[in-house]
Amino acid sequence: FTNVSWVVTYFSEPAIFTVTPWCVATAGGSEIIIRGSGFYGTEAPLCRFRDIAVEGTVIDVIYLKCEVPVVSGAGSLDLEISENGNTFLPLAYSPLLEAFDTPVLHDVSPVSIFGNGGIVQLSGLHFPACSNLKCHFAHIGTSESAYTPGTFRSSTQVSCEAPPMPPGPARIYLAWNTQEESLTAATLTYTGCSAGSYSAYYRDSCQQCPLGNVAPSSGSLSCTQCNRGTYSNTTGGTVCQQCPVGFHQLELGGTSCAACYPGSYAATAGASACTKCTPGSFNNASSATSCSLCPAGSYSGYTGGSLCHSCKAGTYSASPGASSCTQCAPGTSSGRNSTSCAPCDAGYMAPVSGSEYCYECGPGYIAATDGTAVCAPCRDGYYVGSTAATSCEQCFANSATFMIGASSVEECICVAGYYGKGSCTKCPSAGVTCPPGSEMPKALDGYYVASDGSVFACATPNVCTGSGCADGHEGIMCADCSDGYYETGRHCKQCPTYYSQIPSWVPAEDWVVLLCLQVAFICVWLVVLVQSFFSAR
C-alpha cells in the first residue's frame, strides 16, 4: 500500500417526490422546482430531459432547481438526476413532466361583456391540460390587470372568468404555468351602462343619473354635473340643456333655470348669471333679454335699474340713455320730465342754475331779452315802475335820478341849474342858485324867491338871507314883522316883554297910539283912585 489516501464520501441515491410545475414548454425556459431527498452533492447536479442534460442548482438537501431545455415534440418528458455529473441514476420515483407547445389564442366568446365581468370562452390551439391554468386580462386603456382561474375544456377550448374592468378593450392571455403565457391574445370588449346611467367602479348595477346630472355616453362610471348656465330636469339625462335667453343658472348641477330679475337681462342662451342694466338703461320685467334706454327727460343713475326717474324741475336730459339730469343754466328753467330748458321771457330772470321758474323783474329793473339770468337796474336818468319790464322810461328833460334802479318818476329830480317837480325850469341867472334836486330856486343873500319862482331883490337886503328871512321878518320879500316884533325903519325889532302880546297884524303906528291911550287910561285911573282916597278921609 502507498501512503497516498483519499477521502471517499458515500451519498444515498436522490429521490424525487414532486415537481412543480409539471406542465412545461417545448420551447424551453420553464423553471421547475424538484422536491425530494439526497440533494447534497459537492458538484453541481445535472437534470436530464430526454437525453438533454442541463445544470441544476441545489437549493438545499430537499430542493433542486432546473431549467427545462428546448425539447422536440409535445408529450411526456422523463426527468433524470445525476449527483456526480456522470452517472444518471434511475429514480425510485419518477413523476412525468408534460411538455406542451406554446398556446395560440384565436378568439373569445362573447366578444363583449358588461363591466362587472362574467364567464368567457377562449378558442385556439395547444391549450395545455394543466391544473394551474390562468387567464390574464390586461385592460388596454388603463393600467388594470388581473389573473383569474382558467378551466381546461380541450386543447382548443378554455373557459375563464372575466374580472370587473372599466369599459373598453382588454387583451386576454393564457398563462399555463406561473411563468409562460401565450404569445398571442384575444381581445374582449368591456361595455358599461348606457348613456344617461352609470355604474360606480363598473362593478355595480347601472343607476340613472339624478336630476342636474348627465352621462353623455355609455360606459360612464359616474354622472357629470351640468355646468353653470345649463340644467337637466329629468333623471337619466344624457345632455344638459342651455338656459334660454332671459334665464340663468349660477350653480353646478342645476335642475332648472331662474328668470333674470327686473333690472338685469341675459341676451344669449346658456348664461350663468344675468347682466345688470348699465346706468342710463332699465327693464322692468323678469326674464328680459335686453335693457332699454331711459327716454329723454328721464334718467337711471345706477346699475341694475328697473325703472327710470323723471328729471326734476330745473333739470333736463336731452337724449335717451341719460345716467343723470343736467341742471338748467341761469336764465333758463324747466318743469319735470323735461328734455330741454326754456329761456326766460324778456322781463323775467332765473338767477341760479337749476331753476324751476323764471321770476319777474321788480320795479326799477328790466330784462330786455329772453334768457336773462339777472335783471338789470335802470341806469341813472331812467326808471320803471312796473314788474316784468323789458325797458326803462327816461326821466323828463333836465332831470336825473342820481342812482340806479329807480322805480318811479318821482325819483327823477332836476339837475344842477334847473328846478321844479315833474318838469324842470332853467334857474334864473341872478340872485338864486339851483343845486341838483331843487324844486324851487334857492335865494342868495339879499334876494327873495316867490312861490311861483319869481326872484326879487329885497328892499332891505340884509333882511333876506339865502336860508330865508332874518329873525323877526317874514312874508313876501321878508317885509312883515313876526309876532313879538315891531317895525322901525324897515327893520323889525323885538317888542319889550310886556308888549310882546300885541298881535303882529296891528301896524306899528297904530299900536303906538294904543300904547298912549293905555298910558292915559292908567293916569286917569290913578287920579280917580287918589281922589277917592282923600274923599274918604
Protein backbone atom coordinates (compact mmCIF):
# COMPACT_ATOMS: atom_id res chain seq x y z
CA PHE A 1 0.00 0.00 0.00
CA THR A 2 1.09 3.52 -0.70
CA ASN A 3 0.97 6.34 1.72
CA VAL A 4 -1.41 8.41 -0.52
CA SER A 5 -5.02 8.41 0.60
CA TRP A 6 -8.36 9.84 -0.49
CA VAL A 7 -11.48 10.56 1.40
CA VAL A 8 -14.47 8.97 -0.21
CA THR A 9 -17.93 10.20 0.73
CA TYR A 10 -20.88 8.00 0.06
CA PHE A 11 -24.31 9.53 -0.55
CA SER A 12 -27.63 7.91 -0.70
CA GLU A 13 -29.37 7.93 -4.03
CA PRO A 14 -31.51 11.03 -4.64
CA ALA A 15 -35.27 10.61 -4.70
CA ILE A 16 -37.92 12.82 -6.35
CA PHE A 17 -41.23 13.36 -4.61
CA THR A 18 -42.84 16.28 -6.53
CA VAL A 19 -42.04 18.51 -9.48
CA THR A 20 -43.56 21.99 -9.84
CA PRO A 21 -44.82 22.92 -12.33
CA TRP A 22 -45.38 19.72 -14.13
CA CYS A 23 -46.51 21.50 -17.33
CA VAL A 24 -43.52 22.87 -19.22
CA ALA A 25 -42.93 24.45 -22.62
CA THR A 26 -41.37 22.65 -25.51
CA ALA A 27 -39.75 25.95 -26.36
CA GLY A 28 -37.70 25.66 -23.19
CA GLY A 29 -37.06 28.10 -20.42
CA SER A 30 -39.54 26.62 -17.95
CA GLU A 31 -38.02 26.58 -14.49
CA ILE A 32 -39.00 23.65 -12.30
CA ILE A 33 -38.53 23.01 -8.58
CA ILE A 34 -37.87 19.41 -7.63
CA ARG A 35 -38.65 18.35 -4.08
CA GLY A 36 -37.08 15.13 -2.88
CA SER A 37 -34.05 13.92 -0.90
CA GLY A 38 -30.33 13.31 -1.34
CA PHE A 39 -29.59 16.63 -3.00
CA TYR A 40 -26.29 17.37 -1.20
CA GLY A 41 -23.55 16.51 -3.67
CA THR A 42 -20.48 18.71 -3.78
CA GLU A 43 -20.61 19.15 -7.55
CA ALA A 44 -23.41 20.83 -9.50
CA PRO A 45 -26.10 18.24 -10.20
CA LEU A 46 -27.43 17.62 -13.68
CA CYS A 47 -31.04 17.32 -14.79
CA ARG A 48 -31.60 15.34 -17.97
CA PHE A 49 -34.69 15.76 -20.10
CA ARG A 50 -34.93 13.31 -22.99
CA ASP A 51 -31.20 12.88 -23.10
CA ILE A 52 -30.61 16.64 -22.84
CA ALA A 53 -28.71 17.38 -19.65
CA VAL A 54 -28.67 20.81 -18.04
CA GLU A 55 -27.06 22.01 -14.85
CA GLY A 56 -29.23 22.23 -11.83
CA THR A 57 -28.94 24.30 -8.70
CA VAL A 58 -29.13 22.76 -5.22
CA ILE A 59 -31.30 24.91 -3.05
CA ASP A 60 -30.95 22.64 0.00
CA VAL A 61 -30.99 18.90 0.70
CA ILE A 62 -34.60 18.56 -0.36
CA TYR A 63 -34.93 21.17 -3.12
CA LEU A 64 -33.30 21.27 -6.52
CA LYS A 65 -33.94 23.79 -9.31
CA CYS A 66 -33.58 23.08 -13.03
CA GLU A 67 -34.48 24.90 -16.26
CA VAL A 68 -36.18 22.83 -18.96
CA PRO A 69 -34.28 22.98 -22.29
CA VAL A 70 -35.85 23.15 -25.71
CA VAL A 71 -37.36 19.77 -26.43
CA SER A 72 -38.88 18.47 -29.59
CA GLY A 73 -42.49 17.47 -29.62
CA ALA A 74 -45.14 17.82 -27.02
CA GLY A 75 -45.87 14.97 -24.69
CA SER A 76 -44.43 13.21 -21.66
CA LEU A 77 -41.00 14.29 -20.55
CA ASP A 78 -38.80 11.94 -18.44
CA LEU A 79 -36.58 13.51 -15.78
CA GLU A 80 -33.28 12.03 -14.54
CA ILE A 81 -30.85 13.43 -12.00
CA SER A 82 -27.08 12.98 -11.69
CA GLU A 83 -25.28 13.81 -8.45
CA ASN A 84 -21.79 13.46 -9.80
CA GLY A 85 -22.37 14.76 -13.28
CA ASN A 86 -21.60 11.43 -14.85
CA THR A 87 -23.99 8.83 -13.68
CA PHE A 88 -27.69 9.31 -14.10
CA LEU A 89 -29.33 7.03 -11.69
CA PRO A 90 -32.72 5.61 -12.17
CA LEU A 91 -35.10 7.22 -9.73
CA ALA A 92 -37.35 5.38 -7.42
CA TYR A 93 -40.00 7.90 -8.06
CA SER A 94 -40.02 9.43 -11.47
CA PRO A 95 -43.14 11.59 -11.98
CA LEU A 96 -43.65 12.55 -15.54
CA LEU A 97 -43.44 16.10 -16.83
CA GLU A 98 -45.73 17.11 -19.66
CA ALA A 99 -44.31 19.31 -22.39
CA PHE A 100 -46.69 21.47 -24.36
CA ASP A 101 -46.31 23.68 -27.36
CA THR A 102 -46.92 27.41 -26.74
CA PRO A 103 -50.71 28.04 -26.79
CA VAL A 104 -52.13 30.18 -29.59
CA LEU A 105 -55.33 32.19 -28.90
CA HIS A 106 -57.66 32.83 -31.78
CA ASP A 107 -60.76 34.49 -30.31
CA VAL A 108 -63.02 34.87 -27.29
CA SER A 109 -66.72 34.36 -26.90
CA PRO A 110 -68.63 36.52 -26.24
CA VAL A 111 -66.60 39.32 -27.73
CA SER A 112 -68.07 41.90 -25.32
CA ILE A 113 -69.18 41.76 -21.72
CA PHE A 114 -70.56 44.15 -19.11
CA GLY A 115 -68.03 45.80 -16.85
CA ASN A 116 -68.79 43.64 -13.82
CA GLY A 117 -67.36 40.61 -15.62
CA GLY A 118 -68.56 37.05 -16.33
CA ILE A 119 -67.61 33.74 -17.96
CA VAL A 120 -65.93 33.81 -21.37
CA GLN A 121 -64.67 31.00 -23.66
CA LEU A 122 -61.20 31.13 -25.27
CA SER A 123 -60.62 29.32 -28.56
CA GLY A 124 -57.24 28.45 -30.06
CA LEU A 125 -54.57 25.74 -30.32
CA HIS A 126 -52.22 23.84 -27.99
CA PHE A 127 -54.11 24.59 -24.81
CA PRO A 128 -52.33 22.65 -22.04
CA ALA A 129 -54.29 20.42 -19.71
CA CYS A 130 -52.62 21.98 -16.70
CA SER A 131 -54.29 22.35 -13.35
CA ASN A 132 -52.88 25.83 -12.79
CA LEU A 133 -54.21 27.48 -15.94
CA LYS A 134 -54.66 31.23 -15.55
CA CYS A 135 -56.35 33.83 -17.77
CA HIS A 136 -54.52 37.12 -17.82
CA PHE A 137 -56.75 40.16 -18.52
CA ALA A 138 -54.85 43.38 -19.36
CA HIS A 139 -57.01 46.47 -19.96
CA ILE A 140 -55.73 48.47 -22.91
CA GLY A 141 -56.95 51.92 -21.84
CA THR A 142 -55.81 51.71 -18.23
CA SER A 143 -53.12 50.01 -16.21
CA GLU A 144 -55.55 47.50 -14.71
CA SER A 145 -54.51 43.88 -14.96
CA ALA A 146 -55.86 40.72 -13.34
CA TYR A 147 -55.37 36.94 -13.34
CA THR A 148 -58.35 34.61 -12.96
CA PRO A 149 -58.53 30.79 -12.90
CA GLY A 150 -58.90 29.06 -16.26
CA THR A 151 -60.72 25.77 -16.79
CA PHE A 152 -59.33 23.34 -19.38
CA ARG A 153 -62.04 22.10 -21.71
CA SER A 154 -59.94 20.78 -24.55
CA SER A 155 -56.74 21.56 -26.37
CA THR A 156 -58.76 24.18 -28.27
CA GLN A 157 -61.13 25.39 -25.55
CA VAL A 158 -60.55 27.06 -22.16
CA SER A 159 -63.16 28.89 -20.09
CA CYS A 160 -62.23 31.93 -17.98
CA GLU A 161 -64.00 34.16 -15.51
CA ALA A 162 -63.56 37.75 -16.72
CA PRO A 163 -62.89 40.14 -13.80
CA PRO A 164 -64.66 43.53 -13.44
CA MET A 165 -62.93 46.20 -15.55
CA PRO A 166 -63.63 49.65 -16.93
CA PRO A 167 -65.39 49.92 -20.28
CA GLY A 168 -63.05 49.44 -23.18
CA PRO A 169 -60.95 46.68 -24.81
CA ALA A 170 -58.84 44.25 -22.80
CA ARG A 171 -56.33 41.66 -24.07
CA ILE A 172 -56.60 38.08 -22.77
CA TYR A 173 -53.51 35.89 -22.50
CA LEU A 174 -53.45 32.24 -21.39
CA ALA A 175 -50.93 31.70 -18.60
CA TRP A 176 -50.41 27.94 -18.36
CA ASN A 177 -47.93 27.88 -15.58
CA THR A 178 -46.52 30.50 -13.30
CA GLN A 179 -44.00 31.50 -15.99
CA GLU A 180 -45.33 31.10 -19.53
CA GLU A 181 -48.06 32.95 -21.31
CA SER A 182 -49.43 32.66 -24.80
CA LEU A 183 -47.69 34.79 -27.33
CA THR A 184 -50.99 35.79 -28.89
CA ALA A 185 -54.02 37.32 -27.23
CA ALA A 186 -57.73 37.59 -27.79
CA THR A 187 -59.48 40.91 -27.36
CA LEU A 188 -62.53 41.24 -25.10
CA THR A 189 -64.52 44.47 -25.08
CA TYR A 190 -65.96 45.59 -21.78
CA THR A 191 -69.15 47.56 -22.03
CA GLY A 192 -70.66 49.93 -19.49
CA CYS A 193 -74.01 51.42 -18.66
CA SER A 194 -75.99 53.05 -21.42
CA ALA A 195 -75.92 56.82 -21.85
CA GLY A 196 -77.83 58.52 -19.05
CA SER A 197 -76.82 55.93 -16.44
CA TYR A 198 -73.69 54.90 -14.59
CA SER A 199 -72.12 52.13 -12.54
CA ALA A 200 -69.75 53.13 -9.80
CA TYR A 201 -66.46 51.32 -10.25
CA TYR A 202 -68.09 49.32 -13.12
CA ARG A 203 -68.96 46.59 -10.66
CA ASP A 204 -72.43 47.64 -9.59
CA SER A 205 -75.71 47.65 -11.44
CA CYS A 206 -76.49 50.69 -13.56
CA GLN A 207 -78.19 53.65 -11.95
CA GLN A 208 -79.90 56.50 -13.76
CA CYS A 209 -78.25 59.88 -13.45
CA PRO A 210 -80.16 62.10 -10.97
CA LEU A 211 -81.62 65.50 -11.83
CA GLY A 212 -78.97 68.05 -12.72
CA ASN A 213 -76.53 65.33 -13.84
CA VAL A 214 -75.93 63.60 -17.17
CA ALA A 215 -73.97 60.73 -18.70
CA PRO A 216 -73.45 61.68 -22.37
CA SER A 217 -72.07 58.30 -23.45
CA SER A 218 -72.26 54.68 -22.46
CA GLY A 219 -69.85 53.15 -20.02
CA SER A 220 -69.87 56.03 -17.55
CA LEU A 221 -68.55 55.31 -14.09
CA SER A 222 -70.26 58.43 -12.75
CA CYS A 223 -72.54 61.21 -13.87
CA THR A 224 -71.35 64.71 -14.65
CA GLN A 225 -72.94 67.75 -13.09
CA CYS A 226 -74.43 70.22 -15.52
CA ASN A 227 -72.24 73.29 -15.93
CA ARG A 228 -73.32 76.73 -14.89
CA GLY A 229 -75.77 78.12 -17.39
CA THR A 230 -77.20 74.65 -18.16
CA TYR A 231 -79.64 72.27 -16.49
CA SER A 232 -81.19 68.79 -16.63
CA ASN A 233 -84.69 68.36 -15.30
CA THR A 234 -85.04 64.62 -15.94
CA THR A 235 -83.43 61.52 -14.49
CA GLY A 236 -81.27 59.53 -16.84
CA GLY A 237 -80.26 62.65 -18.75
CA THR A 238 -77.67 62.48 -21.48
CA VAL A 239 -77.34 66.18 -22.38
CA CYS A 240 -77.54 69.34 -20.27
CA GLN A 241 -79.84 71.92 -21.78
CA GLN A 242 -78.76 75.55 -22.08
CA CYS A 243 -80.79 78.08 -20.14
CA PRO A 244 -82.90 80.04 -22.64
CA VAL A 245 -82.35 83.74 -23.18
CA GLY A 246 -83.65 85.76 -20.26
CA PHE A 247 -82.78 82.99 -17.79
CA HIS A 248 -79.65 81.90 -15.91
CA GLN A 249 -78.25 79.16 -13.69
CA LEU A 250 -75.43 80.11 -11.36
CA GLU A 251 -74.85 76.74 -9.69
CA LEU A 252 -73.41 73.45 -10.91
CA GLY A 253 -75.91 70.61 -11.26
CA GLY A 254 -78.88 72.85 -11.94
CA THR A 255 -82.28 71.29 -12.40
CA SER A 256 -83.93 74.44 -13.75
CA CYS A 257 -83.09 78.00 -14.75
CA ALA A 258 -84.11 81.16 -12.93
CA ALA A 259 -85.55 84.17 -14.71
CA CYS A 260 -83.45 87.32 -14.75
CA TYR A 261 -84.92 89.76 -12.28
CA PRO A 262 -86.03 93.26 -13.31
CA GLY A 263 -83.02 95.45 -13.93
CA SER A 264 -80.99 92.63 -15.48
CA TYR A 265 -81.03 90.50 -18.63
CA ALA A 266 -79.50 87.52 -20.42
CA ALA A 267 -79.06 88.17 -24.12
CA THR A 268 -77.76 84.72 -25.06
CA ALA A 269 -78.65 81.16 -24.11
CA GLY A 270 -76.53 79.38 -21.51
CA ALA A 271 -76.00 82.34 -19.19
CA SER A 272 -74.58 81.54 -15.77
CA ALA A 273 -75.51 84.99 -14.50
CA CYS A 274 -77.68 87.86 -15.61
CA THR A 275 -76.09 91.12 -16.69
CA LYS A 276 -77.23 94.22 -14.88
CA CYS A 277 -78.55 97.15 -16.86
CA THR A 278 -75.96 99.90 -17.13
CA PRO A 279 -76.67 103.42 -15.86
CA GLY A 280 -78.99 105.15 -18.30
CA SER A 281 -80.89 101.95 -19.12
CA PHE A 282 -83.55 99.80 -17.47
CA ASN A 283 -86.01 96.99 -17.77
CA ASN A 284 -88.98 96.45 -15.51
CA ALA A 285 -89.86 92.86 -16.35
CA SER A 286 -88.36 89.48 -15.44
CA SER A 287 -86.70 87.18 -18.00
CA ALA A 288 -85.62 90.16 -20.10
CA THR A 289 -83.19 89.70 -22.97
CA SER A 290 -82.02 93.32 -23.12
CA CYS A 291 -82.28 96.68 -21.39
CA SER A 292 -83.97 99.76 -22.84
CA LEU A 293 -82.53 103.26 -22.80
CA CYS A 294 -84.25 105.69 -20.50
CA PRO A 295 -86.26 108.11 -22.67
CA ALA A 296 -85.22 111.74 -22.94
CA GLY A 297 -86.42 113.68 -19.92
CA SER A 298 -85.59 110.82 -17.53
CA TYR A 299 -82.54 109.01 -16.17
CA SER A 300 -81.25 105.96 -14.30
CA GLY A 301 -78.22 106.69 -12.22
CA TYR A 302 -77.15 103.20 -11.10
CA THR A 303 -76.57 99.69 -12.44
CA GLY A 304 -79.44 97.24 -12.35
CA GLY A 305 -82.14 99.87 -12.73
CA SER A 306 -85.68 98.57 -13.11
CA LEU A 307 -87.21 101.97 -13.85
CA CYS A 308 -86.23 105.47 -14.97
CA HIS A 309 -86.76 108.57 -12.86
CA SER A 310 -88.17 111.77 -14.30
CA CYS A 311 -85.79 114.68 -14.32
CA LYS A 312 -86.93 117.00 -11.56
CA ALA A 313 -87.93 120.57 -12.25
CA GLY A 314 -84.93 122.71 -13.08
CA THR A 315 -83.09 119.86 -14.82
CA TYR A 316 -83.33 118.02 -18.14
CA SER A 317 -81.93 115.17 -20.23
CA ALA A 318 -81.81 115.90 -23.94
CA SER A 319 -81.34 112.39 -25.35
CA PRO A 320 -82.19 108.79 -24.38
CA GLY A 321 -79.86 106.85 -22.12
CA ALA A 322 -79.03 109.55 -19.57
CA SER A 323 -77.48 108.43 -16.29
CA SER A 324 -78.14 111.84 -14.73
CA CYS A 325 -80.01 115.04 -15.48
CA THR A 326 -78.31 118.33 -16.27
CA GLN A 327 -79.20 121.49 -14.37
CA CYS A 328 -80.70 124.31 -16.35
CA ALA A 329 -78.27 127.18 -16.85
CA PRO A 330 -79.00 130.58 -15.30
CA GLY A 331 -81.54 132.40 -17.43
CA THR A 332 -83.46 129.20 -18.21
CA SER A 333 -85.94 126.97 -16.40
CA SER A 334 -87.77 123.68 -16.82
CA GLY A 335 -90.52 121.59 -15.32
CA ARG A 336 -90.42 117.87 -14.52
CA ASN A 337 -89.51 115.33 -17.19
CA SER A 338 -88.05 118.00 -19.48
CA THR A 339 -85.86 117.33 -22.47
CA SER A 340 -84.56 120.91 -22.59
CA CYS A 341 -84.61 124.17 -20.66
CA ALA A 342 -86.65 127.13 -21.89
CA PRO A 343 -85.09 130.60 -21.80
CA CYS A 344 -86.86 133.06 -19.54
CA ASP A 345 -89.05 135.52 -21.39
CA ALA A 346 -87.97 139.13 -21.59
CA GLY A 347 -88.90 140.79 -18.30
CA TYR A 348 -88.11 137.64 -16.33
CA MET A 349 -84.96 136.14 -14.88
CA ALA A 350 -83.54 132.90 -13.42
CA PRO A 351 -80.50 133.91 -11.38
CA VAL A 352 -79.21 130.45 -10.41
CA SER A 353 -78.67 127.07 -12.07
CA GLY A 354 -81.46 124.53 -11.79
CA SER A 355 -84.35 126.98 -11.67
CA GLU A 356 -87.85 125.60 -11.84
CA TYR A 357 -89.41 129.03 -12.51
CA CYS A 358 -88.46 132.37 -14.01
CA TYR A 359 -89.08 135.35 -11.76
CA GLU A 360 -90.45 138.80 -12.69
CA CYS A 361 -88.07 141.68 -12.70
CA GLY A 362 -89.09 144.03 -9.88
CA PRO A 363 -89.77 147.78 -10.22
CA GLY A 364 -86.59 149.58 -11.23
CA TYR A 365 -85.21 146.53 -13.03
CA ILE A 366 -85.59 145.12 -16.53
CA ALA A 367 -84.77 142.08 -18.67
CA ALA A 368 -84.51 143.37 -22.21
CA THR A 369 -84.04 139.97 -23.90
CA ASP A 370 -85.05 136.35 -23.46
CA GLY A 371 -82.78 134.16 -21.34
CA THR A 372 -81.75 136.79 -18.83
CA ALA A 373 -80.07 135.44 -15.72
CA VAL A 374 -80.19 138.61 -13.62
CA CYS A 375 -82.43 141.66 -14.16
CA ALA A 376 -80.50 144.86 -14.84
CA PRO A 377 -81.27 148.04 -12.85
CA CYS A 378 -82.42 151.14 -14.71
CA ARG A 379 -79.43 153.40 -15.18
CA ASP A 380 -79.19 156.98 -13.96
CA GLY A 381 -81.84 159.12 -15.57
CA TYR A 382 -84.21 156.22 -16.17
CA TYR A 383 -86.89 154.47 -14.18
CA VAL A 384 -89.59 151.81 -14.45
CA GLY A 385 -92.45 151.37 -12.04
CA SER A 386 -93.95 148.09 -13.30
CA THR A 387 -92.81 144.47 -12.85
CA ALA A 388 -91.64 142.20 -15.69
CA ALA A 389 -90.49 145.27 -17.62
CA THR A 390 -88.33 144.98 -20.68
CA SER A 391 -87.20 148.63 -20.85
CA CYS A 392 -86.84 151.71 -18.63
CA GLU A 393 -88.50 155.10 -19.19
CA GLN A 394 -86.35 158.17 -19.44
CA CYS A 395 -86.81 160.94 -16.88
CA PHE A 396 -88.18 164.25 -18.16
CA ALA A 397 -85.80 166.80 -19.63
CA ASN A 398 -83.04 168.26 -17.48
CA SER A 399 -83.61 165.70 -14.73
CA ALA A 400 -81.82 162.63 -13.44
CA THR A 401 -82.19 160.01 -10.72
CA PHE A 402 -78.62 160.18 -9.47
CA MET A 403 -78.94 156.44 -8.70
CA ILE A 404 -79.65 153.12 -10.45
CA GLY A 405 -82.78 151.09 -10.10
CA ALA A 406 -85.26 153.99 -9.87
CA SER A 407 -88.81 152.68 -9.77
CA SER A 408 -90.85 155.92 -10.03
CA VAL A 409 -90.84 159.18 -11.96
CA GLU A 410 -90.86 160.90 -8.58
CA GLU A 411 -87.26 159.74 -8.24
CA CYS A 412 -86.40 161.93 -11.22
CA ILE A 413 -85.06 165.26 -9.91
CA CYS A 414 -83.77 168.34 -11.69
CA VAL A 415 -80.12 168.53 -12.44
CA ALA A 416 -78.00 171.49 -11.26
CA GLY A 417 -79.05 174.78 -12.85
CA TYR A 418 -82.72 173.71 -13.05
CA TYR A 419 -85.59 173.50 -10.63
CA GLY A 420 -89.09 172.09 -10.46
CA LYS A 421 -91.07 168.92 -9.74
CA GLY A 422 -92.42 166.89 -12.65
CA SER A 423 -90.63 169.22 -15.04
CA CYS A 424 -87.52 171.34 -14.81
CA THR A 425 -87.20 175.09 -15.44
CA LYS A 426 -83.93 176.80 -16.03
CA CYS A 427 -82.70 178.55 -12.96
CA PRO A 428 -82.76 182.45 -13.10
CA SER A 429 -79.40 183.87 -13.82
CA ALA A 430 -79.10 186.21 -10.78
CA GLY A 431 -79.92 186.20 -7.07
CA VAL A 432 -80.53 182.49 -6.82
CA THR A 433 -78.83 179.10 -7.16
CA CYS A 434 -80.32 175.76 -8.21
CA PRO A 435 -78.37 172.75 -6.88
CA PRO A 436 -79.39 169.22 -8.07
CA GLY A 437 -82.86 168.24 -6.87
CA SER A 438 -84.11 171.80 -6.44
CA GLU A 439 -87.87 172.08 -6.58
CA MET A 440 -87.52 175.92 -6.21
CA PRO A 441 -84.56 178.23 -6.79
CA LYS A 442 -82.54 178.88 -3.65
CA ALA A 443 -82.27 182.65 -2.94
CA LEU A 444 -78.93 184.19 -2.34
CA ASP A 445 -78.44 186.78 0.44
CA GLY A 446 -80.48 189.95 -0.30
CA TYR A 447 -82.94 188.12 -2.60
CA TYR A 448 -86.34 186.63 -2.17
CA VAL A 449 -87.98 183.83 -4.20
CA ALA A 450 -91.74 183.91 -4.53
CA SER A 451 -93.89 180.74 -4.56
CA ASP A 452 -94.11 180.89 -8.35
CA GLY A 453 -90.31 181.00 -8.59
CA SER A 454 -90.05 184.71 -9.25
CA VAL A 455 -86.95 186.35 -7.85
CA PHE A 456 -86.96 189.75 -6.22
CA ALA A 457 -84.25 191.92 -4.74
CA CYS A 458 -85.23 192.74 -1.16
CA ALA A 459 -85.73 196.49 -0.32
CA THR A 460 -83.74 195.91 2.80
CA PRO A 461 -81.11 193.47 1.60
CA ASN A 462 -79.93 192.28 4.98
CA VAL A 463 -83.39 191.01 5.97
CA CYS A 464 -83.31 188.45 3.09
CA THR A 465 -80.79 185.64 3.54
CA GLY A 466 -80.01 182.60 1.46
CA SER A 467 -81.63 180.45 4.11
CA GLY A 468 -84.81 182.58 4.48
CA CYS A 469 -85.82 185.80 6.28
CA ALA A 470 -83.78 187.34 9.06
CA ASP A 471 -85.08 186.92 12.61
CA GLY A 472 -88.34 188.80 13.20
CA HIS A 473 -89.08 189.13 9.48
CA GLU A 474 -91.49 187.15 7.37
CA GLY A 475 -93.85 187.39 4.46
CA ILE A 476 -93.23 188.46 0.89
CA MET A 477 -89.73 189.83 0.48
CA CYS A 478 -89.44 189.45 4.31
CA ALA A 479 -91.26 192.80 4.64
CA ASP A 480 -93.53 191.69 7.53
CA CYS A 481 -92.58 191.50 11.17
CA SER A 482 -93.17 188.31 13.02
CA ASP A 483 -95.29 188.13 16.16
CA GLY A 484 -93.50 189.88 19.06
CA TYR A 485 -91.67 192.21 16.71
CA TYR A 486 -92.45 195.74 15.56
CA GLU A 487 -91.24 197.64 12.54
CA THR A 488 -88.99 200.57 12.81
CA GLY A 489 -87.12 201.98 9.84
CA ARG A 490 -87.81 198.84 7.66
CA HIS A 491 -86.40 196.66 10.36
CA CYS A 492 -88.31 194.53 12.82
CA LYS A 493 -87.27 194.82 16.44
CA GLN A 494 -88.40 192.64 19.24
CA CYS A 495 -91.06 194.13 21.49
CA PRO A 496 -90.38 194.62 25.19
CA THR A 497 -91.56 191.74 27.25
CA TYR A 498 -94.85 193.30 28.36
CA TYR A 499 -95.74 194.36 24.81
CA SER A 500 -94.96 191.19 23.30
CA GLN A 501 -98.63 190.25 23.13
CA ILE A 502 -99.63 192.86 20.54
CA PRO A 503 -100.72 190.98 17.52
CA SER A 504 -98.40 191.16 14.62
CA TRP A 505 -101.26 192.17 12.35
CA VAL A 506 -101.51 195.62 14.07
CA PRO A 507 -99.40 198.26 12.22
CA ALA A 508 -96.56 199.79 14.19
CA GLU A 509 -98.06 203.31 14.11
CA ASP A 510 -101.37 202.01 15.36
CA TRP A 511 -100.05 200.18 18.33
CA VAL A 512 -98.04 203.36 19.39
CA VAL A 513 -101.37 205.23 19.56
CA LEU A 514 -102.85 202.36 21.51
CA LEU A 515 -99.93 202.50 23.87
CA CYS A 516 -100.51 206.18 24.51
CA LEU A 517 -104.18 205.54 25.19
CA GLN A 518 -103.24 202.84 27.65
CA VAL A 519 -100.93 205.27 29.50
CA ALA A 520 -103.67 207.93 29.60
CA PHE A 521 -106.18 205.45 30.94
CA ILE A 522 -103.78 204.45 33.68
CA CYS A 523 -103.21 208.08 34.65
CA VAL A 524 -106.93 208.84 34.83
CA TRP A 525 -107.44 205.72 36.90
CA LEU A 526 -104.71 206.82 39.30
CA VAL A 527 -106.29 210.36 39.69
CA VAL A 528 -109.66 208.85 40.46
CA LEU A 529 -108.12 206.49 42.90
CA VAL A 530 -106.31 209.30 44.75
CA GLN A 531 -109.45 211.46 44.92
CA SER A 532 -111.42 208.63 46.31
CA PHE A 533 -108.82 208.10 48.96
CA PHE A 534 -108.83 211.69 50.17
CA SER A 535 -112.61 211.96 50.00
CA ALA A 536 -112.83 209.11 52.31
CA ARG A 537 -110.78 210.92 54.95
